[in-house]
Amino acid sequence: TGALFQLDRTNTPTVTGTGGVEQFGATRTEGGELGLTGYLTDQWQVSAGFGHQISLITDGAAATIGKDVASVPHNTLSLWNKYQFTPMFGAGLGLVHKTSFFANADNAVEIPGYTRLDAALFLKLTDTWSAQLNVENIFNEDYFTAAHNNFNIMPGAPTSAYVTIGAKF
């Protein structure tokens, strides 16, 4: 799949350097996305995605016109591999990458980009029941996912595991 886009927004709320919220006159985001999903063998499925976008303030406070919109990385990349070892058991490994982004409209604080490695185990218990174990951030990387302003920056989760039990009926 692929897409090219231009998104024009008006009256967009954005956090300012003081932690307040300002309604901007306008922002413009231009970019594209590519996605690929398929099987390399009958057991090995791969999904990959790449996105590139530039999001700028086009109207509003004079000090912010032409600056990047906060919290919008220019590039994102994801890659996921799932291998079905038996009809009952599968495993997956993937990565998520995001480039740096700015904490708010003044573009004074740049949040560094990151790459995170994740994994999963899949178990089909019966035709009705399944179980899944997901582990995110395998190497316990320090990273930041969001910012509410230049002083309130949200860290990403450390290594985390999630178990899911599913039923089809």
N, C-alpha and C. Protein backbone atom coordinates (compact mmCIF):
# COMPACT_ATOMS: atom_id res chain seq x y z
N THR A 1 0.84 -1.18 0.00
CA THR A 1 0.00 0.00 0.00
C THR A 1 0.88 1.24 0.00
N GLY A 2 0.33 2.32 -0.43
CA GLY A 2 1.06 3.58 -0.43
C GLY A 2 0.09 4.75 -0.44
N ALA A 3 0.56 5.86 0.07
CA ALA A 3 -0.27 7.06 0.08
C ALA A 3 0.62 8.29 0.11
N LEU A 4 0.18 9.31 -0.59
CA LEU A 4 0.76 10.65 -0.48
C LEU A 4 -0.33 11.54 0.08
N PHE A 5 0.03 12.47 0.95
CA PHE A 5 -1.02 13.28 1.56
C PHE A 5 -0.56 14.70 1.84
N GLN A 6 -1.54 15.57 1.91
CA GLN A 6 -1.38 16.94 2.39
C GLN A 6 -2.58 17.21 3.28
N LEU A 7 -2.29 17.54 4.54
CA LEU A 7 -3.34 17.78 5.51
C LEU A 7 -3.24 19.22 6.00
N ASP A 8 -4.26 20.01 5.70
CA ASP A 8 -4.31 21.40 6.15
C ASP A 8 -5.32 21.49 7.29
N ARG A 9 -4.86 22.04 8.42
CA ARG A 9 -5.73 22.18 9.58
C ARG A 9 -5.78 23.64 10.00
N THR A 10 -6.91 24.06 10.57
CA THR A 10 -7.03 25.40 11.12
C THR A 10 -7.47 25.30 12.57
N ASN A 11 -7.12 26.35 13.33
CA ASN A 11 -7.52 26.46 14.72
C ASN A 11 -7.08 25.24 15.54
N THR A 12 -5.84 24.80 15.33
CA THR A 12 -5.30 23.61 15.99
C THR A 12 -4.72 23.98 17.35
N PRO A 13 -5.13 23.31 18.44
CA PRO A 13 -4.54 23.60 19.75
C PRO A 13 -3.14 22.97 19.85
N THR A 14 -2.16 23.75 20.32
CA THR A 14 -0.79 23.28 20.46
C THR A 14 -0.21 23.85 21.74
N VAL A 15 0.58 23.02 22.43
CA VAL A 15 1.21 23.45 23.67
C VAL A 15 2.31 24.46 23.38
N THR A 16 2.36 25.53 24.18
CA THR A 16 3.40 26.55 24.03
C THR A 16 4.52 26.29 25.03
N GLY A 17 5.60 27.05 24.92
CA GLY A 17 6.76 26.88 25.79
C GLY A 17 6.45 27.06 27.27
N THR A 18 5.43 27.80 27.60
CA THR A 18 5.08 28.03 29.01
C THR A 18 4.19 26.94 29.56
N GLY A 19 3.78 26.01 28.74
CA GLY A 19 2.88 24.95 29.18
C GLY A 19 1.43 25.26 28.91
N GLY A 20 1.16 26.44 28.39
CA GLY A 20 -0.20 26.80 28.02
C GLY A 20 -0.55 26.23 26.66
N VAL A 21 -1.78 26.45 26.24
CA VAL A 21 -2.23 25.96 24.94
C VAL A 21 -2.57 27.17 24.08
N GLU A 22 -2.10 27.15 22.83
CA GLU A 22 -2.38 28.21 21.88
C GLU A 22 -3.12 27.62 20.69
N GLN A 23 -4.14 28.33 20.22
CA GLN A 23 -4.84 27.92 19.01
C GLN A 23 -4.11 28.56 17.83
N PHE A 24 -3.52 27.74 16.98
CA PHE A 24 -2.81 28.26 15.82
C PHE A 24 -3.78 28.55 14.70
N GLY A 25 -3.40 29.50 13.88
CA GLY A 25 -4.21 29.80 12.72
C GLY A 25 -4.27 28.63 11.76
N ALA A 26 -3.10 28.00 11.47
CA ALA A 26 -3.11 26.89 10.52
C ALA A 26 -1.81 26.10 10.61
N THR A 27 -1.93 24.82 10.25
CA THR A 27 -0.76 23.94 10.09
C THR A 27 -0.93 23.17 8.79
N ARG A 28 0.18 22.75 8.23
CA ARG A 28 0.15 21.93 7.01
C ARG A 28 1.11 20.75 7.20
N THR A 29 0.60 19.56 6.93
CA THR A 29 1.41 18.35 6.99
C THR A 29 1.42 17.73 5.61
N GLU A 30 2.62 17.50 5.08
CA GLU A 30 2.78 16.84 3.77
C GLU A 30 3.65 15.62 3.98
N GLY A 31 3.31 14.53 3.30
CA GLY A 31 4.13 13.34 3.45
C GLY A 31 3.64 12.17 2.64
N GLY A 32 4.16 11.02 3.01
CA GLY A 32 3.79 9.80 2.33
C GLY A 32 4.03 8.60 3.23
N GLU A 33 3.37 7.50 2.88
CA GLU A 33 3.50 6.26 3.62
C GLU A 33 3.61 5.11 2.63
N LEU A 34 4.40 4.11 3.01
CA LEU A 34 4.50 2.86 2.25
C LEU A 34 4.31 1.70 3.22
N GLY A 35 3.56 0.71 2.83
CA GLY A 35 3.35 -0.48 3.65
C GLY A 35 3.46 -1.73 2.80
N LEU A 36 4.02 -2.77 3.39
CA LEU A 36 4.20 -4.04 2.67
C LEU A 36 3.93 -5.17 3.65
N THR A 37 3.04 -6.06 3.29
CA THR A 37 2.73 -7.23 4.10
C THR A 37 2.63 -8.43 3.18
N GLY A 38 3.27 -9.52 3.58
CA GLY A 38 3.20 -10.72 2.77
C GLY A 38 3.94 -11.87 3.42
N TYR A 39 3.91 -12.99 2.74
CA TYR A 39 4.58 -14.20 3.21
C TYR A 39 5.82 -14.47 2.38
N LEU A 40 6.97 -14.64 3.06
CA LEU A 40 8.20 -15.03 2.36
C LEU A 40 8.22 -16.53 2.15
N THR A 41 7.62 -17.28 3.07
CA THR A 41 7.37 -18.71 2.93
C THR A 41 5.97 -18.96 3.47
N ASP A 42 5.50 -20.20 3.44
CA ASP A 42 4.17 -20.50 3.98
C ASP A 42 4.09 -20.23 5.49
N GLN A 43 5.24 -20.23 6.18
CA GLN A 43 5.26 -20.04 7.62
C GLN A 43 5.75 -18.64 8.05
N TRP A 44 6.40 -17.90 7.18
CA TRP A 44 7.07 -16.66 7.57
C TRP A 44 6.34 -15.45 6.97
N GLN A 45 5.72 -14.67 7.84
CA GLN A 45 5.00 -13.47 7.43
C GLN A 45 5.81 -12.24 7.83
N VAL A 46 5.87 -11.26 6.94
CA VAL A 46 6.59 -10.02 7.20
C VAL A 46 5.67 -8.84 6.93
N SER A 47 5.71 -7.86 7.83
CA SER A 47 4.99 -6.60 7.63
C SER A 47 5.98 -5.47 7.85
N ALA A 48 5.99 -4.52 6.93
CA ALA A 48 6.91 -3.39 7.05
C ALA A 48 6.17 -2.12 6.68
N GLY A 49 6.53 -1.04 7.34
CA GLY A 49 5.92 0.24 7.04
C GLY A 49 6.91 1.37 7.22
N PHE A 50 6.79 2.38 6.36
CA PHE A 50 7.64 3.57 6.46
C PHE A 50 6.77 4.78 6.20
N GLY A 51 6.95 5.80 7.02
CA GLY A 51 6.23 7.05 6.82
C GLY A 51 7.18 8.23 6.92
N HIS A 52 6.97 9.21 6.07
CA HIS A 52 7.75 10.45 6.10
C HIS A 52 6.76 11.60 6.05
N GLN A 53 6.92 12.55 6.97
CA GLN A 53 6.03 13.71 6.96
C GLN A 53 6.74 14.93 7.51
N ILE A 54 6.37 16.07 6.96
CA ILE A 54 6.83 17.36 7.44
C ILE A 54 5.57 18.13 7.81
N SER A 55 5.51 18.56 9.06
CA SER A 55 4.33 19.25 9.57
C SER A 55 4.76 20.61 10.12
N LEU A 56 4.30 21.68 9.46
CA LEU A 56 4.73 23.04 9.81
C LEU A 56 3.56 23.93 10.19
N ILE A 57 3.85 24.89 11.06
CA ILE A 57 2.88 25.91 11.41
C ILE A 57 2.91 26.95 10.30
N THR A 58 1.77 27.20 9.67
CA THR A 58 1.71 28.10 8.52
C THR A 58 1.05 29.44 8.83
N ASP A 59 0.33 29.53 9.96
CA ASP A 59 -0.31 30.78 10.34
C ASP A 59 -0.53 30.77 11.84
N GLY A 60 -0.34 31.90 12.48
CA GLY A 60 -0.52 32.00 13.93
C GLY A 60 0.45 33.00 14.50
N ALA A 61 0.95 32.74 15.71
CA ALA A 61 1.90 33.64 16.35
C ALA A 61 3.15 33.77 15.48
N ALA A 62 3.62 34.99 15.30
CA ALA A 62 4.76 35.25 14.39
C ALA A 62 5.98 34.43 14.76
N ALA A 63 6.23 34.22 16.04
CA ALA A 63 7.41 33.47 16.48
C ALA A 63 7.36 31.99 16.14
N THR A 64 6.18 31.47 15.79
CA THR A 64 6.05 30.04 15.51
C THR A 64 5.83 29.71 14.04
N ILE A 65 5.53 30.70 13.21
CA ILE A 65 5.29 30.42 11.79
C ILE A 65 6.56 29.85 11.17
N GLY A 66 6.39 28.73 10.46
CA GLY A 66 7.51 28.05 9.82
C GLY A 66 8.17 27.01 10.71
N LYS A 67 7.76 26.93 11.97
CA LYS A 67 8.32 25.93 12.89
C LYS A 67 7.60 24.60 12.72
N ASP A 68 8.29 23.52 13.14
CA ASP A 68 7.66 22.19 13.13
C ASP A 68 6.52 22.13 14.14
N VAL A 69 5.46 21.42 13.79
CA VAL A 69 4.39 21.14 14.74
C VAL A 69 4.95 20.17 15.78
N ALA A 70 4.61 20.41 17.03
CA ALA A 70 5.11 19.58 18.12
C ALA A 70 4.67 18.12 17.99
N SER A 71 5.53 17.23 18.46
CA SER A 71 5.24 15.79 18.58
C SER A 71 5.08 15.07 17.25
N VAL A 72 5.59 15.62 16.17
CA VAL A 72 5.47 14.96 14.86
C VAL A 72 6.87 14.61 14.36
N PRO A 73 7.26 13.32 14.46
CA PRO A 73 8.57 12.93 13.91
C PRO A 73 8.52 12.97 12.38
N HIS A 74 9.64 13.27 11.76
CA HIS A 74 9.68 13.31 10.29
C HIS A 74 9.59 11.92 9.69
N ASN A 75 10.17 10.91 10.38
CA ASN A 75 10.19 9.56 9.83
C ASN A 75 9.79 8.54 10.89
N THR A 76 9.02 7.55 10.46
CA THR A 76 8.69 6.40 11.30
C THR A 76 8.90 5.14 10.46
N LEU A 77 9.32 4.08 11.13
CA LEU A 77 9.58 2.81 10.46
C LEU A 77 9.15 1.68 11.37
N SER A 78 8.50 0.68 10.83
CA SER A 78 8.16 -0.51 11.60
C SER A 78 8.44 -1.74 10.74
N LEU A 79 8.87 -2.79 11.41
CA LEU A 79 9.15 -4.06 10.75
C LEU A 79 8.76 -5.17 11.70
N TRP A 80 7.92 -6.10 11.24
CA TRP A 80 7.47 -7.20 12.08
C TRP A 80 7.60 -8.50 11.30
N ASN A 81 8.20 -9.50 11.95
CA ASN A 81 8.34 -10.85 11.40
C ASN A 81 7.58 -11.81 12.29
N LYS A 82 6.77 -12.68 11.70
CA LYS A 82 6.09 -13.74 12.46
C LYS A 82 6.38 -15.06 11.76
N TYR A 83 6.86 -16.01 12.55
CA TYR A 83 7.14 -17.33 11.99
C TYR A 83 6.26 -18.35 12.70
N GLN A 84 5.51 -19.13 11.93
CA GLN A 84 4.62 -20.16 12.47
C GLN A 84 5.37 -21.49 12.44
N PHE A 85 5.95 -21.88 13.59
CA PHE A 85 6.76 -23.09 13.67
C PHE A 85 5.93 -24.34 13.49
N THR A 86 4.76 -24.38 14.11
CA THR A 86 3.82 -25.49 13.98
C THR A 86 2.43 -24.87 13.85
N PRO A 87 1.41 -25.65 13.51
CA PRO A 87 0.06 -25.06 13.48
C PRO A 87 -0.36 -24.48 14.83
N MET A 88 0.28 -24.94 15.90
CA MET A 88 -0.09 -24.51 17.24
C MET A 88 0.80 -23.39 17.79
N PHE A 89 2.03 -23.24 17.31
CA PHE A 89 3.00 -22.34 17.94
C PHE A 89 3.67 -21.42 16.91
N GLY A 90 3.72 -20.12 17.24
CA GLY A 90 4.40 -19.15 16.40
C GLY A 90 5.14 -18.14 17.27
N ALA A 91 6.07 -17.42 16.64
CA ALA A 91 6.84 -16.40 17.34
C ALA A 91 7.04 -15.21 16.42
N GLY A 92 7.18 -14.04 17.02
CA GLY A 92 7.37 -12.82 16.23
C GLY A 92 8.47 -11.96 16.82
N LEU A 93 9.07 -11.17 15.95
CA LEU A 93 10.11 -10.23 16.35
C LEU A 93 9.97 -9.00 15.47
N GLY A 94 10.05 -7.82 16.08
CA GLY A 94 9.88 -6.62 15.29
C GLY A 94 10.53 -5.41 15.91
N LEU A 95 10.63 -4.37 15.10
CA LEU A 95 11.19 -3.13 15.62
C LEU A 95 10.32 -1.96 15.22
N VAL A 96 10.40 -0.93 16.06
CA VAL A 96 9.71 0.34 15.84
C VAL A 96 10.78 1.42 15.92
N HIS A 97 10.81 2.31 14.93
CA HIS A 97 11.78 3.40 14.94
C HIS A 97 11.05 4.70 14.65
N LYS A 98 11.37 5.73 15.44
CA LYS A 98 10.85 7.08 15.19
C LYS A 98 12.02 8.05 15.31
N THR A 99 12.08 9.01 14.39
CA THR A 99 13.11 10.03 14.46
C THR A 99 12.70 11.10 15.47
N SER A 100 13.59 12.02 15.73
CA SER A 100 13.35 13.05 16.74
C SER A 100 12.15 13.93 16.38
N PHE A 101 11.62 14.59 17.41
CA PHE A 101 10.51 15.53 17.23
C PHE A 101 10.65 16.63 18.29
N PHE A 102 9.92 17.72 18.10
CA PHE A 102 10.01 18.84 19.03
C PHE A 102 8.93 18.74 20.11
N ALA A 103 9.28 19.21 21.31
CA ALA A 103 8.37 19.14 22.45
C ALA A 103 7.18 20.08 22.32
N ASN A 104 7.40 21.24 21.70
CA ASN A 104 6.28 22.17 21.49
C ASN A 104 6.58 23.13 20.35
N ALA A 105 5.71 24.09 20.16
CA ALA A 105 5.75 24.96 18.98
C ALA A 105 6.95 25.88 18.91
N ASP A 106 7.64 26.14 20.02
CA ASP A 106 8.81 27.01 19.93
C ASP A 106 10.03 26.28 19.39
N ASN A 107 9.95 24.97 19.26
CA ASN A 107 11.03 24.11 18.73
C ASN A 107 12.33 24.26 19.51
N ALA A 108 12.24 24.65 20.79
CA ALA A 108 13.43 24.85 21.63
C ALA A 108 13.97 23.53 22.18
N VAL A 109 13.10 22.54 22.39
CA VAL A 109 13.53 21.25 22.95
C VAL A 109 13.23 20.16 21.93
N GLU A 110 14.28 19.46 21.51
CA GLU A 110 14.12 18.36 20.56
C GLU A 110 14.20 17.04 21.31
N ILE A 111 13.17 16.22 21.16
CA ILE A 111 13.11 14.91 21.79
C ILE A 111 13.85 13.94 20.86
N PRO A 112 14.83 13.19 21.38
CA PRO A 112 15.60 12.31 20.51
C PRO A 112 14.76 11.16 19.95
N GLY A 113 15.13 10.70 18.80
CA GLY A 113 14.48 9.55 18.19
C GLY A 113 14.88 8.29 18.93
N TYR A 114 14.22 7.18 18.58
CA TYR A 114 14.52 5.91 19.25
C TYR A 114 14.19 4.74 18.34
N THR A 115 14.76 3.60 18.70
CA THR A 115 14.44 2.32 18.08
C THR A 115 14.17 1.34 19.21
N ARG A 116 13.06 0.63 19.12
CA ARG A 116 12.66 -0.33 20.14
C ARG A 116 12.46 -1.69 19.51
N LEU A 117 12.94 -2.76 20.17
CA LEU A 117 12.78 -4.13 19.68
C LEU A 117 11.73 -4.82 20.53
N ASP A 118 10.76 -5.47 19.88
CA ASP A 118 9.66 -6.17 20.54
C ASP A 118 9.61 -7.62 20.06
N ALA A 119 8.96 -8.47 20.84
CA ALA A 119 8.82 -9.89 20.48
C ALA A 119 7.46 -10.41 20.94
N ALA A 120 7.07 -11.55 20.40
CA ALA A 120 5.80 -12.17 20.79
C ALA A 120 5.87 -13.68 20.59
N LEU A 121 5.11 -14.39 21.40
CA LEU A 121 4.89 -15.82 21.25
C LEU A 121 3.39 -16.04 21.10
N PHE A 122 3.00 -16.91 20.17
CA PHE A 122 1.60 -17.18 19.87
C PHE A 122 1.33 -18.66 20.08
N LEU A 123 0.24 -18.99 20.77
CA LEU A 123 -0.11 -20.38 21.03
C LEU A 123 -1.58 -20.58 20.76
N LYS A 124 -1.89 -21.49 19.84
CA LYS A 124 -3.28 -21.86 19.57
C LYS A 124 -3.58 -23.07 20.43
N LEU A 125 -4.40 -22.88 21.47
CA LEU A 125 -4.68 -23.95 22.42
C LEU A 125 -5.71 -24.94 21.88
N THR A 126 -6.79 -24.40 21.32
CA THR A 126 -7.84 -25.20 20.67
C THR A 126 -8.38 -24.36 19.52
N ASP A 127 -9.40 -24.85 18.84
CA ASP A 127 -10.03 -24.04 17.80
C ASP A 127 -10.70 -22.80 18.39
N THR A 128 -11.01 -22.84 19.67
CA THR A 128 -11.67 -21.72 20.35
C THR A 128 -10.70 -20.82 21.10
N TRP A 129 -9.70 -21.39 21.77
CA TRP A 129 -8.84 -20.65 22.69
C TRP A 129 -7.43 -20.45 22.14
N SER A 130 -6.89 -19.25 22.44
CA SER A 130 -5.50 -18.95 22.07
C SER A 130 -4.86 -18.13 23.19
N ALA A 131 -3.54 -18.11 23.19
CA ALA A 131 -2.80 -17.32 24.18
C ALA A 131 -1.66 -16.61 23.45
N GLN A 132 -1.29 -15.46 23.98
CA GLN A 132 -0.22 -14.68 23.36
C GLN A 132 0.58 -13.98 24.45
N LEU A 133 1.91 -13.97 24.29
CA LEU A 133 2.81 -13.24 25.17
C LEU A 133 3.53 -12.20 24.32
N ASN A 134 3.40 -10.93 24.69
CA ASN A 134 4.13 -9.85 24.01
C ASN A 134 5.14 -9.25 24.97
N VAL A 135 6.35 -9.02 24.48
CA VAL A 135 7.38 -8.34 25.26
C VAL A 135 7.82 -7.13 24.44
N GLU A 136 7.63 -5.94 25.02
CA GLU A 136 8.01 -4.70 24.36
C GLU A 136 9.29 -4.15 24.98
N ASN A 137 10.12 -3.53 24.14
CA ASN A 137 11.36 -2.91 24.57
C ASN A 137 12.30 -3.94 25.22
N ILE A 138 12.59 -4.97 24.47
CA ILE A 138 13.40 -6.10 24.96
C ILE A 138 14.71 -5.64 25.59
N PHE A 139 15.39 -4.69 25.01
CA PHE A 139 16.70 -4.27 25.51
C PHE A 139 16.61 -3.13 26.53
N ASN A 140 15.38 -2.85 27.00
CA ASN A 140 15.15 -1.86 28.05
C ASN A 140 15.77 -0.50 27.71
N GLU A 141 15.59 -0.07 26.47
CA GLU A 141 16.12 1.22 26.02
C GLU A 141 15.39 2.37 26.71
N ASP A 142 16.11 3.42 27.04
CA ASP A 142 15.50 4.64 27.54
C ASP A 142 15.06 5.47 26.33
N TYR A 143 13.81 5.89 26.30
CA TYR A 143 13.32 6.70 25.20
C TYR A 143 12.12 7.52 25.67
N PHE A 144 11.71 8.47 24.84
CA PHE A 144 10.60 9.34 25.17
C PHE A 144 9.55 9.25 24.07
N THR A 145 8.28 9.16 24.47
CA THR A 145 7.21 8.96 23.50
C THR A 145 6.39 10.20 23.22
N ALA A 146 6.35 11.14 24.17
CA ALA A 146 5.49 12.32 24.00
C ALA A 146 5.99 13.45 24.89
N ALA A 147 5.49 14.65 24.61
CA ALA A 147 5.82 15.81 25.44
C ALA A 147 4.57 16.68 25.54
N HIS A 148 4.30 17.14 26.75
CA HIS A 148 3.18 18.05 26.96
C HIS A 148 3.63 19.50 26.88
N ASN A 149 4.94 19.73 27.06
CA ASN A 149 5.58 21.03 26.88
C ASN A 149 7.09 20.79 27.02
N ASN A 150 7.88 21.84 27.08
CA ASN A 150 9.34 21.69 27.17
C ASN A 150 9.80 21.09 28.49
N PHE A 151 8.93 21.02 29.49
CA PHE A 151 9.33 20.57 30.82
C PHE A 151 8.60 19.32 31.28
N ASN A 152 7.66 18.83 30.51
CA ASN A 152 6.87 17.65 30.89
C ASN A 152 6.95 16.66 29.74
N ILE A 153 8.01 15.85 29.76
CA ILE A 153 8.32 14.93 28.67
C ILE A 153 8.09 13.51 29.17
N MET A 154 7.31 12.74 28.44
CA MET A 154 6.89 11.41 28.87
C MET A 154 7.86 10.32 28.41
N PRO A 155 8.42 9.56 29.37
CA PRO A 155 9.31 8.46 28.98
C PRO A 155 8.51 7.29 28.43
N GLY A 156 9.17 6.49 27.59
CA GLY A 156 8.58 5.25 27.12
C GLY A 156 8.68 4.20 28.22
N ALA A 157 7.92 3.15 28.09
CA ALA A 157 7.90 2.10 29.11
C ALA A 157 9.20 1.29 29.07
N PRO A 158 9.66 0.84 30.24
CA PRO A 158 10.79 -0.09 30.26
C PRO A 158 10.32 -1.43 29.69
N THR A 159 11.17 -2.42 29.71
CA THR A 159 10.77 -3.74 29.23
C THR A 159 9.46 -4.13 29.90
N SER A 160 8.47 -4.48 29.07
CA SER A 160 7.13 -4.80 29.57
C SER A 160 6.62 -6.06 28.89
N ALA A 161 5.92 -6.88 29.66
CA ALA A 161 5.35 -8.12 29.12
C ALA A 161 3.84 -8.11 29.33
N TYR A 162 3.12 -8.61 28.32
CA TYR A 162 1.66 -8.66 28.35
C TYR A 162 1.23 -10.05 27.92
N VAL A 163 0.29 -10.61 28.65
CA VAL A 163 -0.29 -11.91 28.30
C VAL A 163 -1.73 -11.68 27.90
N THR A 164 -2.13 -12.27 26.79
CA THR A 164 -3.50 -12.16 26.31
C THR A 164 -4.06 -13.56 26.10
N ILE A 165 -5.25 -13.78 26.60
CA ILE A 165 -5.99 -15.03 26.35
C ILE A 165 -7.18 -14.66 25.49
N GLY A 166 -7.34 -15.39 24.37
CA GLY A 166 -8.42 -15.06 23.44
C GLY A 166 -9.36 -16.24 23.22
N ALA A 167 -10.59 -15.92 22.91
CA ALA A 167 -11.59 -16.95 22.61
C ALA A 167 -12.38 -16.52 21.39
N LYS A 168 -12.62 -17.46 20.48
CA LYS A 168 -13.49 -17.23 19.31
C LYS A 168 -14.75 -18.04 19.50
N PHE A 169 -15.89 -17.40 19.29
CA PHE A 169 -17.14 -18.14 19.41
C PHE A 169 -18.19 -17.54 18.52
